Amino acid sequence: MPHREGTLLDYMIQNFHPDYVSLQMDVMWTHFGGGNPAHLLRKDGKRWVSLHLKDLKKGTLKDNTGLTPGENDAVLGTGELDIHGILVEANKLGIKYMFIEDESPDPLHQVPRSIAYLKSLKY
């Protein structure tokens, strides 16, 4: 979200002391809002302590509402996000906690496929 000469996130990072404020990134919503999750991990380093891993179906319309139905959730690695690149950056930072988030109509089918994808990666 635009704020002054940057974004509201930039403002928070610049003005809230890291001893008191850590950040958790939801990678899909970061992407949905126009951000680049891997870039933000590189840029703001140790401020990030955990991630929500969620992928977005390719070609999903993005707008300023901050809303998209669960039908647009994709199995990790099959959607628009560079999940592998995000995990490479998270690993460099030593992020220990990552949560698969799947709000699709069929999480019992999608989550095992997301887990299989994550297990197949080398990073």
PDB file of N, CA and C in Angstrom:
ATOM      1  N   MET A   1       0.841  -1.166   0.000  1.00  0.00           N
ATOM      2  CA  MET A   1       0.000   0.000   0.000  1.00  0.00           C
ATOM      3  C   MET A   1       0.895   1.241   0.000  1.00  0.00           C
ATOM      4  N   PRO A   2       0.707   2.174  -0.926  1.00  0.00           N
ATOM      5  CA  PRO A   2       1.519   3.390  -0.968  1.00  0.00           C
ATOM      6  C   PRO A   2       1.370   4.202   0.327  1.00  0.00           C
ATOM      7  N   HIS A   3       2.503   4.720   0.779  1.00  0.00           N
ATOM      8  CA  HIS A   3       2.517   5.559   1.981  1.00  0.00           C
ATOM      9  C   HIS A   3       3.732   6.481   1.894  1.00  0.00           C
ATOM     10  N   ARG A   4       3.475   7.754   1.868  1.00  0.00           N
ATOM     11  CA  ARG A   4       4.538   8.769   1.743  1.00  0.00           C
ATOM     12  C   ARG A   4       5.427   8.443   0.544  1.00  0.00           C
ATOM     13  N   GLU A   5       6.735   8.301   0.752  1.00  0.00           N
ATOM     14  CA  GLU A   5       7.648   8.036  -0.377  1.00  0.00           C
ATOM     15  C   GLU A   5       7.859   6.550  -0.637  1.00  0.00           C
ATOM     16  N   GLY A   6       7.094   5.711  -0.013  1.00  0.00           N
ATOM     17  CA  GLY A   6       7.259   4.272  -0.197  1.00  0.00           C
ATOM     18  C   GLY A   6       5.944   3.561   0.023  1.00  0.00           C
ATOM     19  N   THR A   7       6.012   2.528   0.852  1.00  0.00           N
ATOM     20  CA  THR A   7       4.815   1.760   1.189  1.00  0.00           C
ATOM     21  C   THR A   7       4.631   1.781   2.702  1.00  0.00           C
ATOM     22  N   LEU A   8       3.476   1.318   3.141  1.00  0.00           N
ATOM     23  CA  LEU A   8       3.225   1.215   4.574  1.00  0.00           C
ATOM     24  C   LEU A   8       4.217   0.242   5.213  1.00  0.00           C
ATOM     25  N   LEU A   9       4.573  -0.820   4.504  1.00  0.00           N
ATOM     26  CA  LEU A   9       5.578  -1.755   5.008  1.00  0.00           C
ATOM     27  C   LEU A   9       6.925  -1.055   5.184  1.00  0.00           C
ATOM     28  N   ASP A  10       7.349  -0.255   4.205  1.00  0.00           N
ATOM     29  CA  ASP A  10       8.598   0.506   4.332  1.00  0.00           C
ATOM     30  C   ASP A  10       8.570   1.372   5.591  1.00  0.00           C
ATOM     31  N   TYR A  11       7.448   2.042   5.808  1.00  0.00           N
ATOM     32  CA  TYR A  11       7.304   2.906   6.977  1.00  0.00           C
ATOM     33  C   TYR A  11       7.466   2.098   8.269  1.00  0.00           C
ATOM     34  N   MET A  12       6.809   0.948   8.329  1.00  0.00           N
ATOM     35  CA  MET A  12       6.898   0.118   9.532  1.00  0.00           C
ATOM     36  C   MET A  12       8.331  -0.346   9.775  1.00  0.00           C
ATOM     37  N   ILE A  13       9.005  -0.770   8.734  1.00  0.00           N
ATOM     38  CA  ILE A  13      10.377  -1.260   8.883  1.00  0.00           C
ATOM     39  C   ILE A  13      11.306  -0.134   9.321  1.00  0.00           C
ATOM     40  N   GLN A  14      11.104   1.056   8.793  1.00  0.00           N
ATOM     41  CA  GLN A  14      11.967   2.190   9.132  1.00  0.00           C
ATOM     42  C   GLN A  14      11.678   2.767  10.516  1.00  0.00           C
ATOM     43  N   ASN A  15      10.444   2.642  10.998  1.00  0.00           N
ATOM     44  CA  ASN A  15      10.056   3.348  12.211  1.00  0.00           C
ATOM     45  C   ASN A  15       9.764   2.468  13.428  1.00  0.00           C
ATOM     46  N   PHE A  16       9.649   1.173  13.250  1.00  0.00           N
ATOM     47  CA  PHE A  16       9.380   0.295  14.383  1.00  0.00           C
ATOM     48  C   PHE A  16      10.642  -0.502  14.684  1.00  0.00           C
ATOM     49  N   HIS A  17      11.148  -0.382  15.872  1.00  0.00           N
ATOM     50  CA  HIS A  17      12.420  -0.987  16.268  1.00  0.00           C
ATOM     51  C   HIS A  17      12.372  -2.515  16.143  1.00  0.00           C
ATOM     52  N   PRO A  18      13.412  -3.122  15.542  1.00  0.00           N
ATOM     53  CA  PRO A  18      13.404  -4.574  15.331  1.00  0.00           C
ATOM     54  C   PRO A  18      13.402  -5.390  16.626  1.00  0.00           C
ATOM     55  N   ASP A  19      13.791  -4.786  17.747  1.00  0.00           N
ATOM     56  CA  ASP A  19      13.715  -5.516  19.021  1.00  0.00           C
ATOM     57  C   ASP A  19      12.270  -5.717  19.463  1.00  0.00           C
ATOM     58  N   TYR A  20      11.369  -4.919  18.905  1.00  0.00           N
ATOM     59  CA  TYR A  20       9.972  -4.964  19.333  1.00  0.00           C
ATOM     60  C   TYR A  20       8.999  -5.435  18.257  1.00  0.00           C
ATOM     61  N   VAL A  21       9.393  -5.322  16.993  1.00  0.00           N
ATOM     62  CA  VAL A  21       8.479  -5.684  15.907  1.00  0.00           C
ATOM     63  C   VAL A  21       9.197  -6.588  14.908  1.00  0.00           C
ATOM     64  N   SER A  22       8.724  -7.839  14.824  1.00  0.00           N
ATOM     65  CA  SER A  22       9.189  -8.778  13.807  1.00  0.00           C
ATOM     66  C   SER A  22       8.053  -8.953  12.812  1.00  0.00           C
ATOM     67  N   LEU A  23       8.379  -9.519  11.663  1.00  0.00           N
ATOM     68  CA  LEU A  23       7.381  -9.617  10.604  1.00  0.00           C
ATOM     69  C   LEU A  23       7.175 -11.059  10.149  1.00  0.00           C
ATOM     70  N   GLN A  24       5.929 -11.367   9.815  1.00  0.00           N
ATOM     71  CA  GLN A  24       5.565 -12.634   9.214  1.00  0.00           C
ATOM     72  C   GLN A  24       4.995 -12.319   7.835  1.00  0.00           C
ATOM     73  N   MET A  25       5.544 -12.943   6.805  1.00  0.00           N
ATOM     74  CA  MET A  25       5.095 -12.664   5.443  1.00  0.00           C
ATOM     75  C   MET A  25       4.162 -13.749   4.944  1.00  0.00           C
ATOM     76  N   ASP A  26       3.028 -13.326   4.426  1.00  0.00           N
ATOM     77  CA  ASP A  26       2.154 -14.211   3.665  1.00  0.00           C
ATOM     78  C   ASP A  26       2.547 -13.982   2.215  1.00  0.00           C
ATOM     79  N   VAL A  27       3.252 -14.947   1.624  1.00  0.00           N
ATOM     80  CA  VAL A  27       3.863 -14.721   0.313  1.00  0.00           C
ATOM     81  C   VAL A  27       2.831 -14.484  -0.782  1.00  0.00           C
ATOM     82  N   MET A  28       1.670 -15.141  -0.707  1.00  0.00           N
ATOM     83  CA  MET A  28       0.664 -14.934  -1.744  1.00  0.00           C
ATOM     84  C   MET A  28       0.085 -13.528  -1.670  1.00  0.00           C
ATOM     85  N   TRP A  29      -0.248 -13.073  -0.460  1.00  0.00           N
ATOM     86  CA  TRP A  29      -0.837 -11.741  -0.341  1.00  0.00           C
ATOM     87  C   TRP A  29       0.186 -10.656  -0.642  1.00  0.00           C
ATOM     88  N   THR A  30       1.452 -10.912  -0.352  1.00  0.00           N
ATOM     89  CA  THR A  30       2.502  -9.965  -0.735  1.00  0.00           C
ATOM     90  C   THR A  30       2.540  -9.832  -2.250  1.00  0.00           C
ATOM     91  N   HIS A  31       2.518 -10.960  -2.932  1.00  0.00           N
ATOM     92  CA  HIS A  31       2.504 -10.983  -4.403  1.00  0.00           C
ATOM     93  C   HIS A  31       1.222 -10.340  -4.944  1.00  0.00           C
ATOM     94  N   PHE A  32       0.095 -10.687  -4.357  1.00  0.00           N
ATOM     95  CA  PHE A  32      -1.202 -10.172  -4.806  1.00  0.00           C
ATOM     96  C   PHE A  32      -1.224  -8.646  -4.765  1.00  0.00           C
ATOM     97  N   GLY A  33      -0.574  -8.074  -3.758  1.00  0.00           N
ATOM     98  CA  GLY A  33      -0.523  -6.623  -3.613  1.00  0.00           C
ATOM     99  C   GLY A  33       0.552  -5.949  -4.445  1.00  0.00           C
ATOM    100  N   GLY A  34       1.280  -6.720  -5.251  1.00  0.00           N
ATOM    101  CA  GLY A  34       2.286  -6.140  -6.130  1.00  0.00           C
ATOM    102  C   GLY A  34       3.708  -6.244  -5.620  1.00  0.00           C
ATOM    103  N   GLY A  35       3.906  -6.871  -4.475  1.00  0.00           N
ATOM    104  CA  GLY A  35       5.251  -7.024  -3.928  1.00  0.00           C
ATOM    105  C   GLY A  35       5.933  -8.268  -4.455  1.00  0.00           C
ATOM    106  N   ASN A  36       7.230  -8.317  -4.269  1.00  0.00           N
ATOM    107  CA  ASN A  36       8.028  -9.471  -4.655  1.00  0.00           C
ATOM    108  C   ASN A  36       8.563 -10.104  -3.371  1.00  0.00           C
ATOM    109  N   PRO A  37       8.002 -11.242  -2.954  1.00  0.00           N
ATOM    110  CA  PRO A  37       8.405 -11.829  -1.680  1.00  0.00           C
ATOM    111  C   PRO A  37       9.909 -12.081  -1.541  1.00  0.00           C
ATOM    112  N   ALA A  38      10.549 -12.651  -2.551  1.00  0.00           N
ATOM    113  CA  ALA A  38      11.989 -12.929  -2.458  1.00  0.00           C
ATOM    114  C   ALA A  38      12.778 -11.630  -2.307  1.00  0.00           C
ATOM    115  N   HIS A  39      12.393 -10.614  -3.055  1.00  0.00           N
ATOM    116  CA  HIS A  39      13.075  -9.315  -2.957  1.00  0.00           C
ATOM    117  C   HIS A  39      12.921  -8.727  -1.555  1.00  0.00           C
ATOM    118  N   LEU A  40      11.717  -8.782  -1.000  1.00  0.00           N
ATOM    119  CA  LEU A  40      11.495  -8.234   0.337  1.00  0.00           C
ATOM    120  C   LEU A  40      12.280  -9.006   1.390  1.00  0.00           C
ATOM    121  N   LEU A  41      12.414 -10.313   1.218  1.00  0.00           N
ATOM    122  CA  LEU A  41      13.237 -11.083   2.149  1.00  0.00           C
ATOM    123  C   LEU A  41      14.691 -10.642   2.074  1.00  0.00           C
ATOM    124  N   ARG A  42      15.197 -10.443   0.850  1.00  0.00           N
ATOM    125  CA  ARG A  42      16.587  -9.972   0.702  1.00  0.00           C
ATOM    126  C   ARG A  42      16.754  -8.573   1.278  1.00  0.00           C
ATOM    127  N   LYS A  43      15.802  -7.713   0.995  1.00  0.00           N
ATOM    128  CA  LYS A  43      15.891  -6.298   1.372  1.00  0.00           C
ATOM    129  C   LYS A  43      15.826  -6.086   2.876  1.00  0.00           C
ATOM    130  N   ASP A  44      14.921  -6.783   3.537  1.00  0.00           N
ATOM    131  CA  ASP A  44      14.667  -6.500   4.948  1.00  0.00           C
ATOM    132  C   ASP A  44      15.121  -7.604   5.884  1.00  0.00           C
ATOM    133  N   GLY A  45      15.888  -8.538   5.361  1.00  0.00           N
ATOM    134  CA  GLY A  45      16.593  -9.550   6.128  1.00  0.00           C
ATOM    135  C   GLY A  45      15.956 -10.067   7.391  1.00  0.00           C
ATOM    136  N   LYS A  46      16.608  -9.829   8.483  1.00  0.00           N
ATOM    137  CA  LYS A  46      16.256 -10.450   9.757  1.00  0.00           C
ATOM    138  C   LYS A  46      14.921  -9.990  10.348  1.00  0.00           C
ATOM    139  N   ARG A  47      14.268  -9.028   9.733  1.00  0.00           N
ATOM    140  CA  ARG A  47      12.953  -8.613  10.247  1.00  0.00           C
ATOM    141  C   ARG A  47      11.917  -9.717  10.063  1.00  0.00           C
ATOM    142  N   TRP A  48      12.132 -10.572   9.078  1.00  0.00           N
ATOM    143  CA  TRP A  48      11.170 -11.637   8.784  1.00  0.00           C
ATOM    144  C   TRP A  48      11.485 -12.856   9.647  1.00  0.00           C
ATOM    145  N   VAL A  49      10.478 -13.358  10.363  1.00  0.00           N
ATOM    146  CA  VAL A  49      10.703 -14.501  11.236  1.00  0.00           C
ATOM    147  C   VAL A  49       9.921 -15.747  10.813  1.00  0.00           C
ATOM    148  N   SER A  50       8.900 -15.574   9.970  1.00  0.00           N
ATOM    149  CA  SER A  50       8.133 -16.733   9.515  1.00  0.00           C
ATOM    150  C   SER A  50       7.394 -16.383   8.228  1.00  0.00           C
ATOM    151  N   LEU A  51       6.945 -17.437   7.548  1.00  0.00           N
ATOM    152  CA  LEU A  51       6.247 -17.274   6.271  1.00  0.00           C
ATOM    153  C   LEU A  51       4.971 -18.109   6.240  1.00  0.00           C
ATOM    154  N   HIS A  52       3.970 -17.582   5.561  1.00  0.00           N
ATOM    155  CA  HIS A  52       2.808 -18.369   5.148  1.00  0.00           C
ATOM    156  C   HIS A  52       3.039 -18.686   3.683  1.00  0.00           C
ATOM    157  N   LEU A  53       3.096 -19.949   3.350  1.00  0.00           N
ATOM    158  CA  LEU A  53       3.319 -20.372   1.967  1.00  0.00           C
ATOM    159  C   LEU A  53       1.979 -20.669   1.306  1.00  0.00           C
ATOM    160  N   LYS A  54       1.712 -19.932   0.271  1.00  0.00           N
ATOM    161  CA  LYS A  54       0.453 -20.067  -0.459  1.00  0.00           C
ATOM    162  C   LYS A  54       0.734 -19.637  -1.889  1.00  0.00           C
ATOM    163  N   ASP A  55       0.194 -20.347  -2.853  1.00  0.00           N
ATOM    164  CA  ASP A  55       0.412 -20.006  -4.257  1.00  0.00           C
ATOM    165  C   ASP A  55      -0.916 -19.567  -4.872  1.00  0.00           C
ATOM    166  N   LEU A  56      -0.827 -18.825  -5.955  1.00  0.00           N
ATOM    167  CA  LEU A  56      -1.987 -18.226  -6.615  1.00  0.00           C
ATOM    168  C   LEU A  56      -2.074 -18.740  -8.039  1.00  0.00           C
ATOM    169  N   LYS A  57      -3.261 -19.181  -8.439  1.00  0.00           N
ATOM    170  CA  LYS A  57      -3.437 -19.678  -9.807  1.00  0.00           C
ATOM    171  C   LYS A  57      -2.941 -18.645 -10.810  1.00  0.00           C
ATOM    172  N   LYS A  58      -2.286 -19.145 -11.838  1.00  0.00           N
ATOM    173  CA  LYS A  58      -1.761 -18.276 -12.884  1.00  0.00           C
ATOM    174  C   LYS A  58      -2.893 -17.507 -13.546  1.00  0.00           C
ATOM    175  N   GLY A  59      -2.646 -16.217 -13.774  1.00  0.00           N
ATOM    176  CA  GLY A  59      -3.605 -15.369 -14.468  1.00  0.00           C
ATOM    177  C   GLY A  59      -4.707 -14.805 -13.588  1.00  0.00           C
ATOM    178  N   THR A  60      -4.617 -15.011 -12.278  1.00  0.00           N
ATOM    179  CA  THR A  60      -5.653 -14.488 -11.382  1.00  0.00           C
ATOM    180  C   THR A  60      -5.649 -12.963 -11.420  1.00  0.00           C
ATOM    181  N   LEU A  61      -6.828 -12.382 -11.567  1.00  0.00           N
ATOM    182  CA  LEU A  61      -6.981 -10.934 -11.555  1.00  0.00           C
ATOM    183  C   LEU A  61      -6.633 -10.400 -10.176  1.00  0.00           C
ATOM    184  N   LYS A  62      -5.786  -9.380 -10.142  1.00  0.00           N
ATOM    185  CA  LYS A  62      -5.404  -8.747  -8.888  1.00  0.00           C
ATOM    186  C   LYS A  62      -5.934  -7.324  -8.891  1.00  0.00           C
ATOM    187  N   ASP A  63      -6.502  -6.915  -7.762  1.00  0.00           N
ATOM    188  CA  ASP A  63      -7.024  -5.558  -7.655  1.00  0.00           C
ATOM    189  C   ASP A  63      -6.680  -5.016  -6.271  1.00  0.00           C
ATOM    190  N   ASN A  64      -7.182  -3.861  -5.947  1.00  0.00           N
ATOM    191  CA  ASN A  64      -6.848  -3.235  -4.673  1.00  0.00           C
ATOM    192  C   ASN A  64      -7.799  -3.608  -3.547  1.00  0.00           C
ATOM    193  N   THR A  65      -8.630  -4.623  -3.750  1.00  0.00           N
ATOM    194  CA  THR A  65      -9.561  -5.002  -2.693  1.00  0.00           C
ATOM    195  C   THR A  65      -8.885  -5.845  -1.613  1.00  0.00           C
ATOM    196  N   GLY A  66      -7.788  -6.519  -1.980  1.00  0.00           N
ATOM    197  CA  GLY A  66      -7.175  -7.447  -1.047  1.00  0.00           C
ATOM    198  C   GLY A  66      -7.990  -8.716  -0.889  1.00  0.00           C
ATOM    199  N   LEU A  67      -8.827  -9.000  -1.887  1.00  0.00           N
ATOM    200  CA  LEU A  67      -9.693 -10.179  -1.831  1.00  0.00           C
ATOM    201  C   LEU A  67      -9.513 -11.041  -3.067  1.00  0.00           C
ATOM    202  N   THR A  68      -9.525 -12.327  -2.865  1.00  0.00           N
ATOM    203  CA  THR A  68      -9.604 -13.290  -3.954  1.00  0.00           C
ATOM    204  C   THR A  68     -10.152 -14.576  -3.350  1.00  0.00           C
ATOM    205  N   PRO A  69     -11.066 -15.239  -4.038  1.00  0.00           N
ATOM    206  CA  PRO A  69     -11.673 -16.435  -3.448  1.00  0.00           C
ATOM    207  C   PRO A  69     -10.675 -17.593  -3.338  1.00  0.00           C
ATOM    208  N   GLY A  70     -10.977 -18.506  -2.426  1.00  0.00           N
ATOM    209  CA  GLY A  70     -10.132 -19.674  -2.217  1.00  0.00           C
ATOM    210  C   GLY A  70      -9.952 -20.526  -3.456  1.00  0.00           C
ATOM    211  N   GLU A  71     -10.868 -20.420  -4.402  1.00  0.00           N
ATOM    212  CA  GLU A  71     -10.729 -21.174  -5.651  1.00  0.00           C
ATOM    213  C   GLU A  71      -9.464 -20.777  -6.411  1.00  0.00           C
ATOM    214  N   ASN A  72      -8.889 -19.624  -6.061  1.00  0.00           N
ATOM    215  CA  ASN A  72      -7.668 -19.172  -6.727  1.00  0.00           C
ATOM    216  C   ASN A  72      -6.400 -19.661  -6.038  1.00  0.00           C
ATOM    217  N   ASP A  73      -6.532 -20.389  -4.930  1.00  0.00           N
ATOM    218  CA  ASP A  73      -5.356 -21.002  -4.298  1.00  0.00           C
ATOM    219  C   ASP A  73      -4.868 -22.138  -5.192  1.00  0.00           C
ATOM    220  N   ALA A  74      -3.565 -22.205  -5.371  1.00  0.00           N
ATOM    221  CA  ALA A  74      -2.968 -23.251  -6.203  1.00  0.00           C
ATOM    222  C   ALA A  74      -2.039 -24.109  -5.355  1.00  0.00           C
ATOM    223  N   VAL A  75      -1.828 -25.340  -5.799  1.00  0.00           N
ATOM    224  CA  VAL A  75      -0.820 -26.196  -5.184  1.00  0.00           C
ATOM    225  C   VAL A  75       0.512 -25.459  -5.289  1.00  0.00           C
ATOM    226  N   LEU A  76       1.281 -25.474  -4.201  1.00  0.00           N
ATOM    227  CA  LEU A  76       2.581 -24.796  -4.225  1.00  0.00           C
ATOM    228  C   LEU A  76       3.402 -25.266  -5.423  1.00  0.00           C
ATOM    229  N   GLY A  77       3.998 -24.299  -6.108  1.00  0.00           N
ATOM    230  CA  GLY A  77       4.841 -24.606  -7.259  1.00  0.00           C
ATOM    231  C   GLY A  77       4.110 -24.687  -8.577  1.00  0.00           C
ATOM    232  N   THR A  78       2.770 -24.585  -8.564  1.00  0.00           N
ATOM    233  CA  THR A  78       2.025 -24.657  -9.818  1.00  0.00           C
ATOM    234  C   THR A  78       1.416 -23.319 -10.202  1.00  0.00           C
ATOM    235  N   GLY A  79       1.530 -22.334  -9.349  1.00  0.00           N
ATOM    236  CA  GLY A  79       0.909 -21.040  -9.595  1.00  0.00           C
ATOM    237  C   GLY A  79       1.898 -19.975 -10.031  1.00  0.00           C
ATOM    238  N   GLU A  80       1.553 -18.735  -9.737  1.00  0.00           N
ATOM    239  CA  GLU A  80       2.329 -17.572 -10.192  1.00  0.00           C
ATOM    240  C   GLU A  80       3.602 -17.313  -9.389  1.00  0.00           C
ATOM    241  N   LEU A  81       3.645 -17.746  -8.160  1.00  0.00           N
ATOM    242  CA  LEU A  81       4.765 -17.382  -7.300  1.00  0.00           C
ATOM    243  C   LEU A  81       5.987 -18.258  -7.542  1.00  0.00           C
ATOM    244  N   ASP A  82       7.149 -17.658  -7.348  1.00  0.00           N
ATOM    245  CA  ASP A  82       8.412 -18.391  -7.420  1.00  0.00           C
ATOM    246  C   ASP A  82       8.695 -18.961  -6.034  1.00  0.00           C
ATOM    247  N   ILE A  83       7.988 -20.030  -5.694  1.00  0.00           N
ATOM    248  CA  ILE A  83       8.105 -20.616  -4.360  1.00  0.00           C
ATOM    249  C   ILE A  83       9.545 -21.046  -4.086  1.00  0.00           C
ATOM    250  N   HIS A  84      10.181 -21.666  -5.052  1.00  0.00           N
ATOM    251  CA  HIS A  84      11.572 -22.097  -4.855  1.00  0.00           C
ATOM    252  C   HIS A  84      12.468 -20.907  -4.530  1.00  0.00           C
ATOM    253  N   GLY A  85      12.366 -19.835  -5.303  1.00  0.00           N
ATOM    254  CA  GLY A  85      13.189 -18.647  -5.057  1.00  0.00           C
ATOM    255  C   GLY A  85      12.921 -18.025  -3.693  1.00  0.00           C
ATOM    256  N   ILE A  86      11.675 -18.042  -3.274  1.00  0.00           N
ATOM    257  CA  ILE A  86      11.307 -17.514  -1.960  1.00  0.00           C
ATOM    258  C   ILE A  86      11.954 -18.368  -0.870  1.00  0.00           C
ATOM    259  N   LEU A  87      11.899 -19.685  -1.029  1.00  0.00           N
ATOM    260  CA  LEU A  87      12.480 -20.576  -0.025  1.00  0.00           C
ATOM    261  C   LEU A  87      14.003 -20.479   0.024  1.00  0.00           C
ATOM    262  N   VAL A  88      14.632 -20.245  -1.112  1.00  0.00           N
ATOM    263  CA  VAL A  88      16.082 -20.037  -1.126  1.00  0.00           C
ATOM    264  C   VAL A  88      16.433 -18.843  -0.251  1.00  0.00           C
ATOM    265  N   GLU A  89      15.710 -17.737  -0.436  1.00  0.00           N
ATOM    266  CA  GLU A  89      15.978 -16.541   0.367  1.00  0.00           C
ATOM    267  C   GLU A  89      15.657 -16.772   1.841  1.00  0.00           C
ATOM    268  N   ALA A  90      14.553 -17.450   2.114  1.00  0.00           N
ATOM    269  CA  ALA A  90      14.177 -17.733   3.506  1.00  0.00           C
ATOM    270  C   ALA A  90      15.234 -18.603   4.179  1.00  0.00           C
ATOM    271  N   ASN A  91      15.773 -19.558   3.447  1.00  0.00           N
ATOM    272  CA  ASN A  91      16.814 -20.425   3.992  1.00  0.00           C
ATOM    273  C   ASN A  91      18.078 -19.627   4.305  1.00  0.00           C
ATOM    274  N   LYS A  92      18.454 -18.704   3.428  1.00  0.00           N
ATOM    275  CA  LYS A  92      19.633 -17.852   3.680  1.00  0.00           C
ATOM    276  C   LYS A  92      19.475 -17.062   4.974  1.00  0.00           C
ATOM    277  N   LEU A  93      18.243 -16.645   5.269  1.00  0.00           N
ATOM    278  CA  LEU A  93      17.971 -15.861   6.469  1.00  0.00           C
ATOM    279  C   LEU A  93      17.803 -16.729   7.716  1.00  0.00           C
ATOM    280  N   GLY A  94      17.673 -18.030   7.517  1.00  0.00           N
ATOM    281  CA  GLY A  94      17.479 -18.921   8.650  1.00  0.00           C
ATOM    282  C   GLY A  94      16.054 -18.916   9.190  1.00  0.00           C
ATOM    283  N   ILE A  95      15.097 -18.582   8.341  1.00  0.00           N
ATOM    284  CA  ILE A  95      13.703 -18.592   8.782  1.00  0.00           C
ATOM    285  C   ILE A  95      13.306 -20.037   9.090  1.00  0.00           C
ATOM    286  N   LYS A  96      12.871 -20.255  10.308  1.00  0.00           N
ATOM    287  CA  LYS A  96      12.587 -21.611  10.773  1.00  0.00           C
ATOM    288  C   LYS A  96      11.132 -22.025  10.619  1.00  0.00           C
ATOM    289  N   TYR A  97      10.222 -21.058  10.612  1.00  0.00           N
ATOM    290  CA  TYR A  97       8.806 -21.389  10.632  1.00  0.00           C
ATOM    291  C   TYR A  97       8.125 -20.956   9.345  1.00  0.00           C
ATOM    292  N   MET A  98       7.586 -21.950   8.648  1.00  0.00           N
ATOM    293  CA  MET A  98       6.843 -21.706   7.424  1.00  0.00           C
ATOM    294  C   MET A  98       5.589 -22.569   7.483  1.00  0.00           C
ATOM    295  N   PHE A  99       4.462 -21.971   7.162  1.00  0.00           N
ATOM    296  CA  PHE A  99       3.183 -22.642   7.285  1.00  0.00           C
ATOM    297  C   PHE A  99       2.522 -22.731   5.923  1.00  0.00           C
ATOM    298  N   ILE A 100       2.119 -23.922   5.529  1.00  0.00           N
ATOM    299  CA  ILE A 100       1.344 -24.061   4.300  1.00  0.00           C
ATOM    300  C   ILE A 100      -0.059 -23.540   4.594  1.00  0.00           C
ATOM    301  N   GLU A 101      -0.508 -22.655   3.744  1.00  0.00           N
ATOM    302  CA  GLU A 101      -1.860 -22.108   3.879  1.00  0.00           C
ATOM    303  C   GLU A 101      -2.620 -22.439   2.595  1.00  0.00           C
ATOM    304  N   ASP A 102      -3.710 -23.122   2.724  1.00  0.00           N
ATOM    305  CA  ASP A 102      -4.511 -23.501   1.560  1.00  0.00           C
ATOM    306  C   ASP A 102      -5.981 -23.338   1.914  1.00  0.00           C
ATOM    307  N   GLU A 103      -6.608 -22.349   1.313  1.00  0.00           N
ATOM    308  CA  GLU A 103      -8.023 -22.086   1.564  1.00  0.00           C
ATOM    309  C   GLU A 103      -8.884 -22.496   0.378  1.00  0.00           C
ATOM    310  N   SER A 104      -8.340 -23.384  -0.441  1.00  0.00           N
ATOM    311  CA  SER A 104      -9.076 -23.861  -1.612  1.00  0.00           C
ATOM    312  C   SER A 104     -10.256 -24.718  -1.170  1.00  0.00           C
ATOM    313  N   PRO A 105     -11.167 -24.986  -2.095  1.00  0.00           N
ATOM    314  CA  PRO A 105     -12.286 -25.872  -1.771  1.00  0.00           C
ATOM    315  C   PRO A 105     -11.844 -27.323  -1.534  1.00  0.00           C
ATOM    316  N   ASP A 106     -10.610 -27.679  -1.912  1.00  0.00           N
ATOM    317  CA  ASP A 106     -10.160 -29.063  -1.803  1.00  0.00           C
ATOM    318  C   ASP A 106      -8.770 -29.171  -1.163  1.00  0.00           C
ATOM    319  N   PRO A 107      -8.607 -28.691   0.073  1.00  0.00           N
ATOM    320  CA  PRO A 107      -7.284 -28.738   0.698  1.00  0.00           C
ATOM    321  C   PRO A 107      -6.793 -30.166   0.950  1.00  0.00           C
ATOM    322  N   LEU A 108      -7.701 -31.123   1.127  1.00  0.00           N
ATOM    323  CA  LEU A 108      -7.267 -32.500   1.359  1.00  0.00           C
ATOM    324  C   LEU A 108      -6.564 -33.082   0.135  1.00  0.00           C
ATOM    325  N   HIS A 109      -6.835 -32.532  -1.032  1.00  0.00           N
ATOM    326  CA  HIS A 109      -6.169 -32.943  -2.263  1.00  0.00           C
ATOM    327  C   HIS A 109      -4.919 -32.084  -2.508  1.00  0.00           C
ATOM    328  N   GLN A 110      -5.049 -30.799  -2.270  1.00  0.00           N
ATOM    329  CA  GLN A 110      -3.960 -29.874  -2.607  1.00  0.00           C
ATOM    330  C   GLN A 110      -2.794 -29.904  -1.620  1.00  0.00           C
ATOM    331  N   VAL A 111      -3.062 -29.965  -0.331  1.00  0.00           N
ATOM    332  CA  VAL A 111      -1.980 -29.886   0.656  1.00  0.00           C
ATOM    333  C   VAL A 111      -0.975 -31.029   0.499  1.00  0.00           C
ATOM    334  N   PRO A 112      -1.403 -32.285   0.337  1.00  0.00           N
ATOM    335  CA  PRO A 112      -0.396 -33.338   0.123  1.00  0.00           C
ATOM    336  C   PRO A 112       0.465 -33.089  -1.124  1.00  0.00           C
ATOM    337  N   ARG A 113      -0.125 -32.529  -2.163  1.00  0.00           N
ATOM    338  CA  ARG A 113       0.652 -32.216  -3.371  1.00  0.00           C
ATOM    339  C   ARG A 113       1.632 -31.075  -3.085  1.00  0.00           C
ATOM    340  N   SER A 114       1.220 -30.103  -2.277  1.00  0.00           N
ATOM    341  CA  SER A 114       2.133 -29.020  -1.895  1.00  0.00           C
ATOM    342  C   SER A 114       3.295 -29.556  -1.068  1.00  0.00           C
ATOM    343  N   ILE A 115       2.996 -30.469  -0.148  1.00  0.00           N
ATOM    344  CA  ILE A 115       4.057 -31.078   0.668  1.00  0.00           C
ATOM    345  C   ILE A 115       5.029 -31.850  -0.220  1.00  0.00           C
ATOM    346  N   ALA A 116       4.507 -32.606  -1.172  1.00  0.00           N
ATOM    347  CA  ALA A 116       5.368 -33.360  -2.094  1.00  0.00           C
ATOM    348  C   ALA A 116       6.256 -32.408  -2.880  1.00  0.00           C
ATOM    349  N   TYR A 117       5.704 -31.290  -3.331  1.00  0.00           N
ATOM    350  CA  TYR A 117       6.508 -30.298  -4.056  1.00  0.00           C
ATOM    351  C   TYR A 117       7.632 -29.774  -3.160  1.00  0.00           C
ATOM    352  N   LEU A 118       7.306 -29.401  -1.940  1.00  0.00           N
ATOM    353  CA  LEU A 118       8.319 -28.868  -1.034  1.00  0.00           C
ATOM    354  C   LEU A 118       9.423 -29.894  -0.776  1.00  0.00           C
ATOM    355  N   LYS A 119       9.049 -31.143  -0.606  1.00  0.00           N
ATOM    356  CA  LYS A 119      10.046 -32.202  -0.372  1.00  0.00           C
ATOM    357  C   LYS A 119      10.949 -32.417  -1.578  1.00  0.00           C
ATOM    358  N   SER A 120      10.467 -32.085  -2.767  1.00  0.00           N
ATOM    359  CA  SER A 120      11.252 -32.300  -3.996  1.00  0.00           C
ATOM    360  C   SER A 120      12.299 -31.217  -4.213  1.00  0.00           C
ATOM    361  N   LEU A 121      12.193 -30.117  -3.507  1.00  0.00           N
ATOM    362  CA  LEU A 121      13.084 -28.983  -3.738  1.00  0.00           C
ATOM    363  C   LEU A 121      14.435 -29.157  -3.077  1.00  0.00           C
ATOM    364  N   LYS A 122      15.437 -28.574  -3.696  1.00  0.00           N
ATOM    365  CA  LYS A 122      16.785 -28.482  -3.119  1.00  0.00           C
ATOM    366  C   LYS A 122      17.093 -26.995  -2.974  1.00  0.00           C
ATOM    367  N   TYR A 123      17.350 -26.571  -1.759  1.00  0.00           N
ATOM    368  CA  TYR A 123      17.675 -25.158  -1.529  1.00  0.00           C
ATOM    369  C   TYR A 123      18.552 -24.985  -0.323  1.00  0.00           C
TER     370      TYR A 123
END
